[in-house]
């Protein structure tokens, strides 16, 4: 009998930080609005991070913390 395989971690190389943030957000079932609420930031800040636009480091740090991500390339 075949049992379903569950994948807990996927390693994807060559992704920008913004793409990693977006994928982590979606994997957690969160909307940009949810992340903004959890970080007390504006939804536009979350959007800017996902689009690899410049944001203040402290804003990026809050988003990464909520999504349990590191800034490693």
Protein backbone atom coordinates (compact mmCIF):
# COMPACT_ATOMS: atom_id res chain seq x y z
CA UNK A 1 0.00 0.00 0.00
CA UNK A 2 1.38 3.41 -0.97
CA UNK A 3 1.27 6.10 1.69
CA UNK A 4 1.21 9.78 0.76
CA UNK A 5 4.50 11.64 1.05
CA UNK A 6 4.56 14.85 3.05
CA UNK A 7 7.22 17.42 2.28
CA UNK A 8 8.07 19.80 5.11
CA UNK A 9 10.98 21.62 3.50
CA UNK A 10 11.67 22.55 -0.08
CA UNK A 11 15.02 24.04 -1.05
CA UNK A 12 14.77 26.45 -3.93
CA UNK A 13 17.90 28.14 -5.18
CA UNK A 14 18.22 31.34 -7.13
CA UNK A 15 15.19 33.04 -5.62
CA UNK A 16 15.25 36.68 -4.64
CA UNK A 17 14.48 37.60 -1.05
CA UNK A 18 11.16 39.03 -2.20
CA UNK A 19 10.19 35.77 -3.89
CA UNK A 20 11.16 33.80 -0.77
CA UNK A 21 9.01 36.12 1.36
CA UNK A 22 6.05 35.67 -0.96
CA UNK A 23 6.38 31.89 -1.04
CA UNK A 24 6.72 31.70 2.75
CA UNK A 25 3.66 33.90 3.20
CA UNK A 26 1.56 31.79 0.86
CA UNK A 27 2.81 28.55 2.45
CA UNK A 28 1.59 29.83 5.82
CA UNK A 29 -1.79 30.70 4.33
CA UNK A 30 -1.37 34.41 4.97
CA UNK A 31 -2.41 37.37 2.88
CA UNK A 32 -0.26 40.48 2.57
CA UNK A 33 -2.84 42.18 4.77
CA UNK A 34 -2.36 39.49 7.44
CA UNK A 35 1.42 39.94 7.46
CA UNK A 36 0.99 43.71 7.63
CA UNK A 37 -1.32 43.33 10.62
CA UNK A 38 1.03 40.94 12.42
CA UNK A 39 4.00 43.28 11.88
CA UNK A 40 2.07 46.52 12.43
CA UNK A 41 3.23 47.70 9.01
CA UNK A 42 1.37 48.85 5.95
CA UNK A 43 0.32 46.31 3.30
CA UNK A 44 2.37 48.37 0.84
CA UNK A 45 5.49 47.56 2.89
CA UNK A 46 4.84 43.84 2.49
CA UNK A 47 4.17 44.33 -1.21
CA UNK A 48 7.39 46.31 -1.64
CA UNK A 49 9.43 43.57 0.04
CA UNK A 50 7.87 40.92 -2.20
CA UNK A 51 8.69 43.02 -5.26
CA UNK A 52 12.29 43.51 -4.06
CA UNK A 53 11.78 47.25 -3.70
CA UNK A 54 13.73 49.18 -1.07
CA UNK A 55 12.29 49.25 2.47
CA UNK A 56 13.76 50.19 5.82
CA UNK A 57 15.78 47.37 7.36
CA UNK A 58 13.65 47.34 10.50
CA UNK A 59 10.52 46.80 8.41
CA UNK A 60 12.17 43.95 6.53
CA UNK A 61 13.32 42.44 9.82
CA UNK A 62 9.76 42.42 11.18
CA UNK A 63 8.42 40.69 8.09
CA UNK A 64 11.18 38.09 8.08
CA UNK A 65 10.61 37.39 11.77
CA UNK A 66 6.88 36.81 11.32
CA UNK A 67 7.52 34.48 8.38
CA UNK A 68 10.38 32.74 10.19
CA UNK A 69 12.87 33.54 7.42
CA UNK A 70 16.50 34.60 7.44
CA UNK A 71 17.99 37.17 5.13
CA UNK A 72 20.58 34.72 3.76
CA UNK A 73 20.81 34.80 -0.04
